[in-house]
Amino acid sequence: MQSENPLISDFVKLANAAAGTAAGMAREAREGARERVRGMVGGFDFVSREEFDAVKDMAARAREENERLAERIAALEAKIAAGA
């Protein structure tokens, strides 16, 4: 049932326009926030999980090698000290 009153018709048009404008503003704000977050995150140097795990494994192997070499040096120094 449609009203013939032009005042009510104008009010309905105004309310529809306001609702559309509010939805558009919300969409713009959401997209703007996404772009700001992308810009902030894009400046960080993130690594993938695979890269992190690979470097972690390399560091563990290097640590183990360092310990083995330290033991060899200690044995050689003991050998030299015993010979002197």
C-alpha atoms as a PDB file:
ATOM      1  CA  MET A   1       0.000   0.000   0.000  1.00  0.00           C
ATOM      2  CA  GLN A   2       1.731   3.109  -1.227  1.00  0.00           C
ATOM      3  CA  SER A   3       1.041   6.524   0.231  1.00  0.00           C
ATOM      4  CA  GLU A   4       0.062   9.409  -1.982  1.00  0.00           C
ATOM      5  CA  ASN A   5       1.503  11.900   0.492  1.00  0.00           C
ATOM      6  CA  PRO A   6       4.568  13.532  -1.124  1.00  0.00           C
ATOM      7  CA  LEU A   7       6.044  14.349   2.289  1.00  0.00           C
ATOM      8  CA  ILE A   8       6.125  10.672   3.281  1.00  0.00           C
ATOM      9  CA  SER A   9       7.444   9.709  -0.155  1.00  0.00           C
ATOM     10  CA  ASP A  10      10.253  12.266   0.144  1.00  0.00           C
ATOM     11  CA  PHE A  11      11.063  11.056   3.656  1.00  0.00           C
ATOM     12  CA  VAL A  12      11.287   7.430   2.425  1.00  0.00           C
ATOM     13  CA  LYS A  13      13.592   8.487  -0.419  1.00  0.00           C
ATOM     14  CA  LEU A  14      15.752  10.433   2.051  1.00  0.00           C
ATOM     15  CA  ALA A  15      15.926   7.441   4.430  1.00  0.00           C
ATOM     16  CA  ASN A  16      16.909   5.117   1.555  1.00  0.00           C
ATOM     17  CA  ALA A  17      19.596   7.541   0.418  1.00  0.00           C
ATOM     18  CA  ALA A  18      20.920   7.876   3.973  1.00  0.00           C
ATOM     19  CA  ALA A  19      21.034   4.089   4.375  1.00  0.00           C
ATOM     20  CA  GLY A  20      22.922   3.742   1.080  1.00  0.00           C
ATOM     21  CA  THR A  21      25.339   6.471   2.100  1.00  0.00           C
ATOM     22  CA  ALA A  22      25.948   4.847   5.493  1.00  0.00           C
ATOM     23  CA  ALA A  23      26.585   1.466   3.849  1.00  0.00           C
ATOM     24  CA  GLY A  24      28.992   3.104   1.408  1.00  0.00           C
ATOM     25  CA  MET A  25      30.834   4.895   4.206  1.00  0.00           C
ATOM     26  CA  ALA A  26      31.139   1.629   6.154  1.00  0.00           C
ATOM     27  CA  ARG A  27      32.503  -0.125   3.067  1.00  0.00           C
ATOM     28  CA  GLU A  28      34.998   2.698   2.465  1.00  0.00           C
ATOM     29  CA  ALA A  29      36.128   2.643   6.098  1.00  0.00           C
ATOM     30  CA  ARG A  30      36.591  -1.143   5.994  1.00  0.00           C
ATOM     31  CA  GLU A  31      38.618  -0.961   2.769  1.00  0.00           C
ATOM     32  CA  GLY A  32      40.688   1.926   4.114  1.00  0.00           C
ATOM     33  CA  ALA A  33      41.481   0.018   7.299  1.00  0.00           C
ATOM     34  CA  ARG A  34      42.485  -3.043   5.248  1.00  0.00           C
ATOM     35  CA  GLU A  35      44.832  -0.920   3.128  1.00  0.00           C
ATOM     36  CA  ARG A  36      46.427   0.642   6.223  1.00  0.00           C
ATOM     37  CA  VAL A  37      47.001  -2.785   7.777  1.00  0.00           C
ATOM     38  CA  ARG A  38      48.452  -4.113   4.502  1.00  0.00           C
ATOM     39  CA  GLY A  39      50.764  -1.108   4.374  1.00  0.00           C
ATOM     40  CA  MET A  40      51.941  -1.641   7.950  1.00  0.00           C
ATOM     41  CA  VAL A  41      52.411  -5.392   7.571  1.00  0.00           C
ATOM     42  CA  GLY A  42      54.105  -4.959   4.199  1.00  0.00           C
ATOM     43  CA  GLY A  43      56.916  -3.047   5.889  1.00  0.00           C
ATOM     44  CA  PHE A  44      57.787  -5.966   8.161  1.00  0.00           C
ATOM     45  CA  ASP A  45      60.231  -8.650   7.131  1.00  0.00           C
ATOM     46  CA  PHE A  46      58.288 -11.846   7.757  1.00  0.00           C
ATOM     47  CA  VAL A  47      59.701 -15.249   6.934  1.00  0.00           C
ATOM     48  CA  SER A  48      57.782 -18.372   6.099  1.00  0.00           C
ATOM     49  CA  ARG A  49      57.576 -21.225   8.564  1.00  0.00           C
ATOM     50  CA  GLU A  50      59.702 -23.382   6.260  1.00  0.00           C
ATOM     51  CA  GLU A  51      62.467 -20.755   6.125  1.00  0.00           C
ATOM     52  CA  PHE A  52      62.385 -20.356   9.898  1.00  0.00           C
ATOM     53  CA  ASP A  53      62.606 -24.118  10.467  1.00  0.00           C
ATOM     54  CA  ALA A  54      65.476 -24.430   7.965  1.00  0.00           C
ATOM     55  CA  VAL A  55      67.505 -21.715   9.706  1.00  0.00           C
ATOM     56  CA  LYS A  56      66.697 -23.208  13.102  1.00  0.00           C
ATOM     57  CA  ASP A  57      68.017 -26.600  11.940  1.00  0.00           C
ATOM     58  CA  MET A  58      71.150 -24.971  10.507  1.00  0.00           C
ATOM     59  CA  ALA A  59      71.802 -23.211  13.823  1.00  0.00           C
ATOM     60  CA  ALA A  60      71.366 -26.471  15.753  1.00  0.00           C
ATOM     61  CA  ARG A  61      73.827 -28.260  13.458  1.00  0.00           C
ATOM     62  CA  ALA A  62      76.320 -25.391  13.769  1.00  0.00           C
ATOM     63  CA  ARG A  63      76.029 -25.517  17.555  1.00  0.00           C
ATOM     64  CA  GLU A  64      76.682 -29.272  17.559  1.00  0.00           C
ATOM     65  CA  GLU A  65      79.693 -28.840  15.255  1.00  0.00           C
ATOM     66  CA  ASN A  66      81.026 -26.084  17.528  1.00  0.00           C
ATOM     67  CA  GLU A  67      80.758 -28.384  20.549  1.00  0.00           C
ATOM     68  CA  ARG A  68      82.587 -31.200  18.705  1.00  0.00           C
ATOM     69  CA  LEU A  69      85.378 -28.828  17.664  1.00  0.00           C
ATOM     70  CA  ALA A  70      85.687 -27.474  21.207  1.00  0.00           C
ATOM     71  CA  GLU A  71      86.128 -31.055  22.479  1.00  0.00           C
ATOM     72  CA  ARG A  72      88.800 -31.756  19.844  1.00  0.00           C
ATOM     73  CA  ILE A  73      90.669 -28.574  20.762  1.00  0.00           C
ATOM     74  CA  ALA A  74      90.530 -29.461  24.446  1.00  0.00           C
ATOM     75  CA  ALA A  75      91.883 -32.983  23.663  1.00  0.00           C
ATOM     76  CA  LEU A  76      94.693 -31.563  21.511  1.00  0.00           C
ATOM     77  CA  GLU A  77      95.635 -29.005  24.170  1.00  0.00           C
ATOM     78  CA  ALA A  78      95.697 -31.770  26.800  1.00  0.00           C
ATOM     79  CA  LYS A  79      97.898 -33.864  24.521  1.00  0.00           C
ATOM     80  CA  ILE A  80     100.320 -30.957  23.983  1.00  0.00           C
ATOM     81  CA  ALA A  81     100.400 -30.188  27.707  1.00  0.00           C
ATOM     82  CA  ALA A  82     101.138 -33.832  28.518  1.00  0.00           C
ATOM     83  CA  GLY A  83     104.023 -33.884  26.002  1.00  0.00           C
ATOM     84  CA  ALA A  84     105.667 -30.734  27.347  1.00  0.00           C
END
